[in-house]
Amino acid sequence: MPSYEAKLLSDFLTTPASLRDFMTLRQFTSIFPTAHRSNPAIPELYRELHALRERDIDVVRQEIADEVKRSKQLKREYAKERRRMDDANVAGLHPVALQMEQELSGDRRKTPHTLQTVYASIEAACESLDSQIAEMEDETRDALVQVQEAIGALSDLRHGKFAQSASGEDIVKEVLESLKKLETVCADPAG
């Protein structure tokens, strides 16, 4: 039974790939100008294109088989490495994984993580993410309020109503300031 990977690649790359699957000889002939449609070279050209396409499909099928073989080898190597890591005498993460974790988190631990320290680190990361999400939601709400205020200030333009300026300034200046404020809020939602 073919692997899921082979089936997926075959379905995606080769299934509707034959020339006859999507173009008949009649359709192929109709591409040519009317005066040349009876030319005997057209069926030969169609057969040649079909043969070339079939060769290409065969090459793709061979490449899929080779890729499946390579993936099986990679899976074996990965499983072997995993077993080696699991059987290691040192508790914790693989040294490369530990180094990556330290670089990403900024934590310069001298000892590798244990199950308890990993759990505590994950909990701290979750709390940090929750607070960042809440902060972003607040910023988004503030930006939305600012946009709604700017749009409300500009709504008189849409309806052709020009109320007396509250500040006593020229209405044109006030409109330009409102537009600049809207542009600023839209360009920098965090600001």
N, C-alpha and C. Protein backbone atom coordinates (compact mmCIF):
# COMPACT_ATOMS: atom_id res chain seq x y z
N MET A 1 0.85 -1.18 0.00
CA MET A 1 0.00 0.00 0.00
C MET A 1 0.89 1.24 0.00
N PRO A 2 0.64 2.17 -0.91
CA PRO A 2 1.49 3.35 -0.98
C PRO A 2 1.33 4.22 0.26
N SER A 3 2.39 4.92 0.59
CA SER A 3 2.35 5.79 1.75
C SER A 3 1.45 6.99 1.48
N TYR A 4 1.08 7.65 2.55
CA TYR A 4 0.24 8.85 2.43
C TYR A 4 0.98 9.91 1.63
N GLU A 5 2.27 10.03 1.86
CA GLU A 5 3.09 11.01 1.14
C GLU A 5 3.08 10.73 -0.36
N ALA A 6 3.26 9.46 -0.74
CA ALA A 6 3.27 9.09 -2.16
C ALA A 6 1.90 9.35 -2.78
N LYS A 7 0.83 9.03 -2.05
CA LYS A 7 -0.52 9.26 -2.58
C LYS A 7 -0.77 10.74 -2.77
N LEU A 8 -0.39 11.54 -1.79
CA LEU A 8 -0.60 12.99 -1.86
C LEU A 8 0.17 13.58 -3.04
N LEU A 9 1.43 13.23 -3.18
CA LEU A 9 2.23 13.75 -4.29
C LEU A 9 1.69 13.28 -5.64
N SER A 10 1.32 12.02 -5.72
CA SER A 10 0.79 11.49 -6.98
C SER A 10 -0.53 12.17 -7.35
N ASP A 11 -1.42 12.30 -6.38
CA ASP A 11 -2.70 12.94 -6.65
C ASP A 11 -2.51 14.38 -7.11
N PHE A 12 -1.57 15.06 -6.50
CA PHE A 12 -1.36 16.47 -6.80
C PHE A 12 -0.60 16.67 -8.11
N LEU A 13 0.39 15.82 -8.38
CA LEU A 13 1.29 16.07 -9.51
C LEU A 13 1.00 15.26 -10.77
N THR A 14 0.37 14.09 -10.64
CA THR A 14 0.26 13.24 -11.83
C THR A 14 -1.17 12.86 -12.24
N THR A 15 -2.13 12.95 -11.36
CA THR A 15 -3.46 12.42 -11.68
C THR A 15 -4.07 13.06 -12.93
N PRO A 16 -4.29 14.36 -12.98
CA PRO A 16 -4.90 14.92 -14.19
C PRO A 16 -3.84 15.42 -15.18
N ALA A 17 -2.71 14.71 -15.27
CA ALA A 17 -1.59 15.24 -16.03
C ALA A 17 -1.53 14.76 -17.48
N SER A 18 -2.18 13.67 -17.83
CA SER A 18 -2.11 13.18 -19.19
C SER A 18 -2.77 14.16 -20.14
N LEU A 19 -2.19 14.32 -21.31
CA LEU A 19 -2.72 15.26 -22.30
C LEU A 19 -4.17 14.91 -22.65
N ARG A 20 -4.46 13.63 -22.76
CA ARG A 20 -5.82 13.20 -23.13
C ARG A 20 -6.83 13.47 -22.02
N ASP A 21 -6.34 13.67 -20.78
CA ASP A 21 -7.24 13.95 -19.67
C ASP A 21 -7.88 15.34 -19.78
N PHE A 22 -7.20 16.27 -20.42
CA PHE A 22 -7.76 17.61 -20.47
C PHE A 22 -7.88 18.20 -21.87
N MET A 23 -7.44 17.45 -22.92
CA MET A 23 -7.59 17.95 -24.28
C MET A 23 -7.67 16.78 -25.25
N THR A 24 -8.76 16.73 -26.01
CA THR A 24 -8.90 15.69 -27.03
C THR A 24 -8.21 16.15 -28.30
N LEU A 25 -8.07 15.22 -29.25
CA LEU A 25 -7.47 15.57 -30.55
C LEU A 25 -8.33 16.63 -31.24
N ARG A 26 -9.64 16.51 -31.13
CA ARG A 26 -10.54 17.48 -31.77
C ARG A 26 -10.33 18.88 -31.18
N GLN A 27 -10.22 18.96 -29.84
CA GLN A 27 -9.97 20.26 -29.21
C GLN A 27 -8.61 20.81 -29.62
N PHE A 28 -7.62 19.93 -29.69
CA PHE A 28 -6.27 20.34 -30.10
C PHE A 28 -6.31 20.87 -31.53
N THR A 29 -7.02 20.19 -32.41
CA THR A 29 -7.11 20.61 -33.81
C THR A 29 -7.81 21.96 -33.92
N SER A 30 -8.78 22.21 -33.07
CA SER A 30 -9.53 23.46 -33.16
C SER A 30 -8.69 24.67 -32.78
N ILE A 31 -7.52 24.46 -32.19
CA ILE A 31 -6.63 25.57 -31.84
C ILE A 31 -6.02 26.19 -33.09
N PHE A 32 -5.82 25.36 -34.11
CA PHE A 32 -5.15 25.82 -35.32
C PHE A 32 -6.10 26.62 -36.21
N PRO A 33 -5.55 27.46 -37.09
CA PRO A 33 -6.41 28.19 -38.03
C PRO A 33 -7.21 27.20 -38.89
N THR A 34 -8.36 27.61 -39.31
CA THR A 34 -9.28 26.74 -40.06
C THR A 34 -8.61 26.15 -41.30
N ALA A 35 -7.82 26.90 -41.98
CA ALA A 35 -7.19 26.43 -43.21
C ALA A 35 -6.20 25.30 -42.97
N HIS A 36 -5.68 25.20 -41.76
CA HIS A 36 -4.65 24.19 -41.47
C HIS A 36 -5.16 23.01 -40.64
N ARG A 37 -6.41 22.99 -40.32
CA ARG A 37 -6.95 21.94 -39.44
C ARG A 37 -6.93 20.56 -40.08
N SER A 38 -6.92 20.48 -41.37
CA SER A 38 -6.90 19.17 -42.03
C SER A 38 -5.48 18.67 -42.29
N ASN A 39 -4.51 19.41 -41.88
CA ASN A 39 -3.11 19.03 -42.07
C ASN A 39 -2.83 17.72 -41.33
N PRO A 40 -2.23 16.71 -41.99
CA PRO A 40 -1.97 15.42 -41.34
C PRO A 40 -0.89 15.51 -40.24
N ALA A 41 -0.18 16.60 -40.19
CA ALA A 41 0.86 16.75 -39.17
C ALA A 41 0.26 17.05 -37.79
N ILE A 42 -0.98 17.53 -37.75
CA ILE A 42 -1.60 17.88 -36.47
C ILE A 42 -1.79 16.64 -35.59
N PRO A 43 -2.34 15.52 -36.11
CA PRO A 43 -2.45 14.33 -35.25
C PRO A 43 -1.07 13.81 -34.83
N GLU A 44 -0.09 13.91 -35.71
CA GLU A 44 1.27 13.49 -35.33
C GLU A 44 1.81 14.36 -34.20
N LEU A 45 1.60 15.67 -34.34
CA LEU A 45 2.03 16.60 -33.30
C LEU A 45 1.33 16.29 -31.97
N TYR A 46 0.04 15.99 -32.06
CA TYR A 46 -0.72 15.65 -30.85
C TYR A 46 -0.14 14.40 -30.19
N ARG A 47 0.13 13.36 -31.01
CA ARG A 47 0.71 12.12 -30.47
C ARG A 47 2.08 12.38 -29.87
N GLU A 48 2.88 13.22 -30.52
CA GLU A 48 4.22 13.53 -30.01
C GLU A 48 4.13 14.28 -28.67
N LEU A 49 3.21 15.24 -28.60
CA LEU A 49 3.01 15.96 -27.34
C LEU A 49 2.52 15.02 -26.24
N HIS A 50 1.63 14.12 -26.62
CA HIS A 50 1.14 13.13 -25.66
C HIS A 50 2.29 12.26 -25.14
N ALA A 51 3.15 11.80 -26.06
CA ALA A 51 4.29 10.96 -25.66
C ALA A 51 5.26 11.74 -24.76
N LEU A 52 5.53 12.99 -25.13
CA LEU A 52 6.41 13.81 -24.29
C LEU A 52 5.81 14.01 -22.90
N ARG A 53 4.54 14.26 -22.86
CA ARG A 53 3.85 14.47 -21.59
C ARG A 53 3.90 13.19 -20.74
N GLU A 54 3.68 12.04 -21.37
CA GLU A 54 3.75 10.76 -20.65
C GLU A 54 5.16 10.52 -20.09
N ARG A 55 6.19 10.86 -20.88
CA ARG A 55 7.57 10.73 -20.38
C ARG A 55 7.79 11.64 -19.18
N ASP A 56 7.28 12.86 -19.27
CA ASP A 56 7.41 13.78 -18.13
C ASP A 56 6.70 13.24 -16.90
N ILE A 57 5.52 12.67 -17.10
CA ILE A 57 4.78 12.09 -15.98
C ILE A 57 5.55 10.92 -15.37
N ASP A 58 6.17 10.10 -16.23
CA ASP A 58 6.98 8.98 -15.72
C ASP A 58 8.15 9.50 -14.90
N VAL A 59 8.78 10.57 -15.36
CA VAL A 59 9.90 11.16 -14.60
C VAL A 59 9.39 11.66 -13.25
N VAL A 60 8.23 12.31 -13.23
CA VAL A 60 7.66 12.80 -11.98
C VAL A 60 7.33 11.62 -11.05
N ARG A 61 6.77 10.54 -11.61
CA ARG A 61 6.48 9.36 -10.78
C ARG A 61 7.75 8.78 -10.17
N GLN A 62 8.83 8.73 -10.96
CA GLN A 62 10.10 8.23 -10.45
C GLN A 62 10.64 9.15 -9.35
N GLU A 63 10.51 10.45 -9.57
CA GLU A 63 10.97 11.41 -8.56
C GLU A 63 10.15 11.26 -7.27
N ILE A 64 8.86 11.00 -7.41
CA ILE A 64 8.02 10.78 -6.23
C ILE A 64 8.50 9.54 -5.48
N ALA A 65 8.78 8.46 -6.22
CA ALA A 65 9.27 7.23 -5.58
C ALA A 65 10.60 7.49 -4.88
N ASP A 66 11.49 8.23 -5.52
CA ASP A 66 12.78 8.56 -4.91
C ASP A 66 12.59 9.40 -3.66
N GLU A 67 11.66 10.35 -3.73
CA GLU A 67 11.40 11.22 -2.58
C GLU A 67 10.83 10.41 -1.41
N VAL A 68 9.97 9.47 -1.71
CA VAL A 68 9.40 8.62 -0.66
C VAL A 68 10.52 7.79 -0.02
N LYS A 69 11.44 7.28 -0.84
CA LYS A 69 12.58 6.52 -0.28
C LYS A 69 13.43 7.41 0.61
N ARG A 70 13.69 8.66 0.13
CA ARG A 70 14.49 9.58 0.95
C ARG A 70 13.77 9.91 2.25
N SER A 71 12.46 10.09 2.17
CA SER A 71 11.73 10.44 3.38
C SER A 71 11.74 9.28 4.37
N LYS A 72 11.68 8.04 3.87
CA LYS A 72 11.76 6.89 4.78
C LYS A 72 13.10 6.86 5.48
N GLN A 73 14.17 7.17 4.73
CA GLN A 73 15.50 7.21 5.33
C GLN A 73 15.58 8.33 6.38
N LEU A 74 15.01 9.48 6.05
CA LEU A 74 15.01 10.59 7.02
C LEU A 74 14.22 10.24 8.27
N LYS A 75 13.09 9.54 8.08
CA LYS A 75 12.29 9.13 9.23
C LYS A 75 13.07 8.17 10.11
N ARG A 76 13.80 7.23 9.47
CA ARG A 76 14.62 6.29 10.24
C ARG A 76 15.71 7.03 11.01
N GLU A 77 16.36 7.98 10.33
CA GLU A 77 17.41 8.75 11.00
C GLU A 77 16.85 9.58 12.15
N TYR A 78 15.69 10.16 11.93
CA TYR A 78 15.06 10.95 12.98
C TYR A 78 14.69 10.06 14.18
N ALA A 79 14.11 8.90 13.90
CA ALA A 79 13.75 7.98 14.99
C ALA A 79 14.99 7.52 15.74
N LYS A 80 16.06 7.25 15.01
CA LYS A 80 17.32 6.83 15.64
C LYS A 80 17.86 7.94 16.53
N GLU A 81 17.84 9.16 16.04
CA GLU A 81 18.33 10.30 16.83
C GLU A 81 17.45 10.51 18.05
N ARG A 82 16.14 10.37 17.87
CA ARG A 82 15.21 10.52 18.99
C ARG A 82 15.48 9.48 20.07
N ARG A 83 15.69 8.22 19.63
CA ARG A 83 16.01 7.16 20.60
C ARG A 83 17.32 7.46 21.31
N ARG A 84 18.30 7.95 20.54
CA ARG A 84 19.59 8.28 21.15
C ARG A 84 19.41 9.39 22.18
N MET A 85 18.60 10.38 21.86
CA MET A 85 18.37 11.47 22.82
C MET A 85 17.59 10.98 24.03
N ASP A 86 16.61 10.11 23.82
CA ASP A 86 15.81 9.60 24.93
C ASP A 86 16.62 8.68 25.83
N ASP A 87 17.57 7.98 25.22
CA ASP A 87 18.40 7.05 26.01
C ASP A 87 19.61 7.72 26.63
N ALA A 88 19.80 9.00 26.37
CA ALA A 88 20.97 9.69 26.90
C ALA A 88 20.91 9.73 28.42
N ASN A 89 22.07 9.70 29.03
CA ASN A 89 22.16 9.72 30.48
C ASN A 89 21.85 11.10 31.06
N VAL A 90 22.05 12.14 30.28
CA VAL A 90 21.82 13.50 30.76
C VAL A 90 20.33 13.79 30.68
N ALA A 91 19.76 14.23 31.80
CA ALA A 91 18.34 14.57 31.80
C ALA A 91 18.18 15.93 31.14
N GLY A 92 17.11 16.11 30.40
CA GLY A 92 16.84 17.40 29.79
C GLY A 92 16.92 17.35 28.29
N LEU A 93 17.18 18.50 27.69
CA LEU A 93 17.15 18.65 26.25
C LEU A 93 18.49 18.36 25.61
N HIS A 94 18.45 18.12 24.35
CA HIS A 94 19.64 17.96 23.53
C HIS A 94 20.43 19.28 23.60
N PRO A 95 21.75 19.26 23.61
CA PRO A 95 22.52 20.50 23.75
C PRO A 95 22.19 21.56 22.70
N VAL A 96 21.94 21.16 21.47
CA VAL A 96 21.61 22.14 20.43
C VAL A 96 20.24 22.75 20.71
N ALA A 97 19.28 21.92 21.10
CA ALA A 97 17.94 22.42 21.42
C ALA A 97 18.01 23.34 22.64
N LEU A 98 18.82 22.98 23.62
CA LEU A 98 18.99 23.82 24.81
C LEU A 98 19.59 25.17 24.44
N GLN A 99 20.59 25.15 23.56
CA GLN A 99 21.22 26.41 23.13
C GLN A 99 20.21 27.28 22.39
N MET A 100 19.40 26.67 21.50
CA MET A 100 18.38 27.43 20.77
C MET A 100 17.37 28.04 21.74
N GLU A 101 16.97 27.25 22.74
CA GLU A 101 16.02 27.74 23.72
C GLU A 101 16.60 28.92 24.49
N GLN A 102 17.88 28.81 24.87
CA GLN A 102 18.52 29.88 25.61
C GLN A 102 18.62 31.16 24.78
N GLU A 103 18.96 31.00 23.50
CA GLU A 103 19.08 32.16 22.63
C GLU A 103 17.73 32.84 22.42
N LEU A 104 16.67 32.03 22.26
CA LEU A 104 15.35 32.60 22.03
C LEU A 104 14.76 33.23 23.27
N SER A 105 14.99 32.64 24.42
CA SER A 105 14.37 33.14 25.64
C SER A 105 15.25 34.13 26.38
N GLY A 106 16.53 34.18 26.06
CA GLY A 106 17.44 35.06 26.78
C GLY A 106 17.84 34.46 28.12
N ASP A 107 17.42 33.25 28.39
CA ASP A 107 17.73 32.56 29.65
C ASP A 107 19.06 31.85 29.50
N ARG A 108 20.00 32.20 30.32
CA ARG A 108 21.33 31.57 30.24
C ARG A 108 21.47 30.55 31.38
N ARG A 109 20.71 29.49 31.28
CA ARG A 109 20.73 28.45 32.31
C ARG A 109 22.02 27.65 32.21
N LYS A 110 22.56 27.31 33.35
CA LYS A 110 23.76 26.47 33.39
C LYS A 110 23.39 24.99 33.38
N THR A 111 22.18 24.69 33.87
CA THR A 111 21.75 23.30 33.91
C THR A 111 20.61 23.11 32.92
N PRO A 112 20.52 21.92 32.34
CA PRO A 112 19.43 21.68 31.39
C PRO A 112 18.08 21.66 32.11
N HIS A 113 17.05 21.87 31.34
CA HIS A 113 15.69 21.83 31.88
C HIS A 113 15.35 20.43 32.35
N THR A 114 14.55 20.40 33.38
CA THR A 114 13.92 19.16 33.80
C THR A 114 12.43 19.32 33.50
N LEU A 115 11.68 18.29 33.74
CA LEU A 115 10.25 18.34 33.47
C LEU A 115 9.60 19.46 34.28
N GLN A 116 10.01 19.63 35.53
CA GLN A 116 9.42 20.67 36.38
C GLN A 116 9.80 22.07 35.90
N THR A 117 11.06 22.28 35.51
CA THR A 117 11.47 23.62 35.07
C THR A 117 10.87 23.96 33.71
N VAL A 118 10.70 22.96 32.86
CA VAL A 118 10.06 23.21 31.57
C VAL A 118 8.61 23.62 31.79
N TYR A 119 7.93 22.93 32.70
CA TYR A 119 6.54 23.27 33.00
C TYR A 119 6.43 24.69 33.52
N ALA A 120 7.32 25.06 34.43
CA ALA A 120 7.30 26.42 34.98
C ALA A 120 7.58 27.46 33.89
N SER A 121 8.51 27.15 33.00
CA SER A 121 8.84 28.07 31.91
C SER A 121 7.65 28.22 30.96
N ILE A 122 6.97 27.13 30.68
CA ILE A 122 5.80 27.19 29.80
C ILE A 122 4.70 28.01 30.45
N GLU A 123 4.47 27.82 31.74
CA GLU A 123 3.46 28.61 32.46
C GLU A 123 3.80 30.09 32.40
N ALA A 124 5.07 30.43 32.63
CA ALA A 124 5.49 31.84 32.58
C ALA A 124 5.30 32.41 31.18
N ALA A 125 5.62 31.62 30.17
CA ALA A 125 5.45 32.08 28.79
C ALA A 125 3.97 32.29 28.47
N CYS A 126 3.11 31.41 28.94
CA CYS A 126 1.67 31.55 28.72
C CYS A 126 1.14 32.82 29.38
N GLU A 127 1.58 33.07 30.61
CA GLU A 127 1.15 34.29 31.31
C GLU A 127 1.62 35.53 30.56
N SER A 128 2.86 35.49 30.09
CA SER A 128 3.41 36.62 29.33
C SER A 128 2.61 36.85 28.05
N LEU A 129 2.29 35.76 27.35
CA LEU A 129 1.49 35.89 26.13
C LEU A 129 0.09 36.44 26.43
N ASP A 130 -0.52 35.97 27.52
CA ASP A 130 -1.85 36.46 27.88
C ASP A 130 -1.82 37.96 28.15
N SER A 131 -0.79 38.42 28.87
CA SER A 131 -0.71 39.85 29.17
C SER A 131 -0.43 40.65 27.90
N GLN A 132 0.39 40.11 26.98
CA GLN A 132 0.65 40.80 25.72
C GLN A 132 -0.62 40.88 24.88
N ILE A 133 -1.39 39.82 24.87
CA ILE A 133 -2.65 39.81 24.11
C ILE A 133 -3.61 40.84 24.69
N ALA A 134 -3.73 40.90 26.02
CA ALA A 134 -4.62 41.87 26.65
C ALA A 134 -4.17 43.29 26.33
N GLU A 135 -2.87 43.52 26.36
CA GLU A 135 -2.33 44.84 26.04
C GLU A 135 -2.64 45.22 24.59
N MET A 136 -2.47 44.25 23.68
CA MET A 136 -2.76 44.51 22.27
C MET A 136 -4.25 44.78 22.06
N GLU A 137 -5.11 44.06 22.78
CA GLU A 137 -6.55 44.30 22.67
C GLU A 137 -6.91 45.70 23.15
N ASP A 138 -6.26 46.15 24.24
CA ASP A 138 -6.50 47.51 24.73
C ASP A 138 -6.07 48.54 23.70
N GLU A 139 -4.89 48.32 23.11
CA GLU A 139 -4.39 49.24 22.09
C GLU A 139 -5.33 49.27 20.89
N THR A 140 -5.84 48.11 20.51
CA THR A 140 -6.76 48.03 19.38
C THR A 140 -8.05 48.77 19.68
N ARG A 141 -8.58 48.59 20.90
CA ARG A 141 -9.79 49.30 21.29
C ARG A 141 -9.56 50.82 21.27
N ASP A 142 -8.41 51.25 21.81
CA ASP A 142 -8.09 52.68 21.81
C ASP A 142 -7.99 53.22 20.38
N ALA A 143 -7.34 52.47 19.50
CA ALA A 143 -7.21 52.90 18.11
C ALA A 143 -8.57 52.97 17.44
N LEU A 144 -9.44 52.01 17.73
CA LEU A 144 -10.78 52.02 17.16
C LEU A 144 -11.57 53.24 17.64
N VAL A 145 -11.46 53.56 18.90
CA VAL A 145 -12.15 54.74 19.44
C VAL A 145 -11.63 56.00 18.74
N GLN A 146 -10.33 56.09 18.56
CA GLN A 146 -9.75 57.26 17.90
C GLN A 146 -10.24 57.37 16.45
N VAL A 147 -10.28 56.24 15.76
CA VAL A 147 -10.75 56.25 14.37
C VAL A 147 -12.22 56.66 14.32
N GLN A 148 -13.02 56.11 15.23
CA GLN A 148 -14.44 56.45 15.25
C GLN A 148 -14.65 57.93 15.57
N GLU A 149 -13.84 58.49 16.46
CA GLU A 149 -13.94 59.92 16.77
C GLU A 149 -13.59 60.75 15.55
N ALA A 150 -12.53 60.38 14.85
CA ALA A 150 -12.11 61.13 13.66
C ALA A 150 -13.17 61.03 12.57
N ILE A 151 -13.74 59.85 12.40
CA ILE A 151 -14.79 59.68 11.38
C ILE A 151 -16.03 60.48 11.78
N GLY A 152 -16.36 60.48 13.05
CA GLY A 152 -17.50 61.27 13.51
C GLY A 152 -17.29 62.76 13.27
N ALA A 153 -16.05 63.20 13.49
CA ALA A 153 -15.74 64.62 13.26
C ALA A 153 -15.84 64.98 11.79
N LEU A 154 -15.60 63.98 10.93
CA LEU A 154 -15.65 64.24 9.49
C LEU A 154 -17.02 63.93 8.87
N SER A 155 -17.95 63.40 9.65
CA SER A 155 -19.24 63.00 9.09
C SER A 155 -20.04 64.18 8.57
N ASP A 156 -19.81 65.37 9.13
CA ASP A 156 -20.52 66.55 8.65
C ASP A 156 -20.19 66.82 7.19
N LEU A 157 -18.97 66.51 6.79
CA LEU A 157 -18.59 66.72 5.39
C LEU A 157 -19.43 65.85 4.47
N ARG A 158 -19.67 64.65 4.89
CA ARG A 158 -20.44 63.71 4.07
C ARG A 158 -21.87 64.19 3.85
N HIS A 159 -22.45 64.75 4.90
CA HIS A 159 -23.85 65.17 4.83
C HIS A 159 -24.00 66.63 4.42
N GLY A 160 -22.90 67.33 4.28
CA GLY A 160 -22.95 68.72 3.85
C GLY A 160 -23.37 69.67 4.96
N LYS A 161 -23.27 69.21 6.20
CA LYS A 161 -23.60 70.06 7.35
C LYS A 161 -22.30 70.58 7.94
N PHE A 162 -22.20 71.85 8.07
CA PHE A 162 -21.00 72.43 8.65
C PHE A 162 -21.40 73.19 9.92
N ALA A 163 -21.19 72.54 11.03
CA ALA A 163 -21.52 73.18 12.31
C ALA A 163 -20.48 74.26 12.59
N GLN A 164 -20.84 75.20 13.42
CA GLN A 164 -19.89 76.24 13.79
C GLN A 164 -18.72 75.59 14.50
N SER A 165 -17.54 75.98 14.17
CA SER A 165 -16.34 75.42 14.75
C SER A 165 -16.32 75.69 16.25
N ALA A 166 -16.06 74.65 17.03
CA ALA A 166 -16.05 74.78 18.48
C ALA A 166 -14.90 75.66 18.94
N SER A 167 -13.79 75.58 18.24
CA SER A 167 -12.62 76.34 18.64
C SER A 167 -12.61 77.73 18.03
N GLY A 168 -13.53 78.00 17.15
CA GLY A 168 -13.57 79.29 16.49
C GLY A 168 -12.62 79.38 15.31
N GLU A 169 -11.91 78.29 15.01
CA GLU A 169 -10.98 78.28 13.88
C GLU A 169 -11.73 78.14 12.58
N ASP A 170 -11.01 78.34 11.53
CA ASP A 170 -11.57 78.15 10.19
C ASP A 170 -11.92 76.67 10.03
N ILE A 171 -13.07 76.38 9.45
CA ILE A 171 -13.55 75.00 9.27
C ILE A 171 -12.57 74.18 8.44
N VAL A 172 -11.91 74.81 7.46
CA VAL A 172 -10.97 74.09 6.60
C VAL A 172 -9.80 73.57 7.43
N LYS A 173 -9.29 74.41 8.33
CA LYS A 173 -8.18 73.98 9.19
C LYS A 173 -8.61 72.83 10.09
N GLU A 174 -9.80 72.92 10.62
CA GLU A 174 -10.29 71.88 11.51
C GLU A 174 -10.45 70.55 10.77
N VAL A 175 -10.96 70.61 9.53
CA VAL A 175 -11.13 69.40 8.73
C VAL A 175 -9.76 68.80 8.42
N LEU A 176 -8.80 69.62 8.04
CA LEU A 176 -7.45 69.12 7.74
C LEU A 176 -6.82 68.49 8.97
N GLU A 177 -7.00 69.10 10.12
CA GLU A 177 -6.46 68.54 11.35
C GLU A 177 -7.11 67.19 11.67
N SER A 178 -8.41 67.11 11.46
CA SER A 178 -9.11 65.83 11.69
C SER A 178 -8.62 64.76 10.73
N LEU A 179 -8.41 65.14 9.47
CA LEU A 179 -7.89 64.17 8.50
C LEU A 179 -6.49 63.72 8.86
N LYS A 180 -5.64 64.64 9.30
CA LYS A 180 -4.28 64.27 9.71
C LYS A 180 -4.31 63.34 10.91
N LYS A 181 -5.22 63.64 11.85
CA LYS A 181 -5.37 62.79 13.03
C LYS A 181 -5.80 61.38 12.62
N LEU A 182 -6.76 61.28 11.69
CA LEU A 182 -7.22 59.98 11.19
C LEU A 182 -6.08 59.24 10.51
N GLU A 183 -5.33 59.95 9.69
CA GLU A 183 -4.21 59.34 8.99
C GLU A 183 -3.16 58.83 9.99
N THR A 184 -2.87 59.61 11.02
CA THR A 184 -1.90 59.22 12.05
C THR A 184 -2.37 57.96 12.78
N VAL A 185 -3.63 57.95 13.15
CA VAL A 185 -4.17 56.80 13.88
C VAL A 185 -4.15 55.55 13.01
N CYS A 186 -4.48 55.70 11.73
CA CYS A 186 -4.49 54.54 10.84
C CYS A 186 -3.08 54.05 10.54
N ALA A 187 -2.13 54.98 10.44
CA ALA A 187 -0.76 54.60 10.12
C ALA A 187 -0.05 53.98 11.31
N ASP A 188 -0.36 54.44 12.52
CA ASP A 188 0.32 53.95 13.71
C ASP A 188 -0.73 53.61 14.76
N PRO A 189 -1.33 52.39 14.68
CA PRO A 189 -2.41 52.03 15.60
C PRO A 189 -1.93 51.94 17.04
N ALA A 190 -0.62 51.72 17.29
CA ALA A 190 -0.13 51.61 18.65
C ALA A 190 0.03 52.98 19.29
N GLY A 191 0.17 54.04 18.44
CA GLY A 191 0.43 55.40 18.94
C GLY A 191 -0.79 56.03 19.42
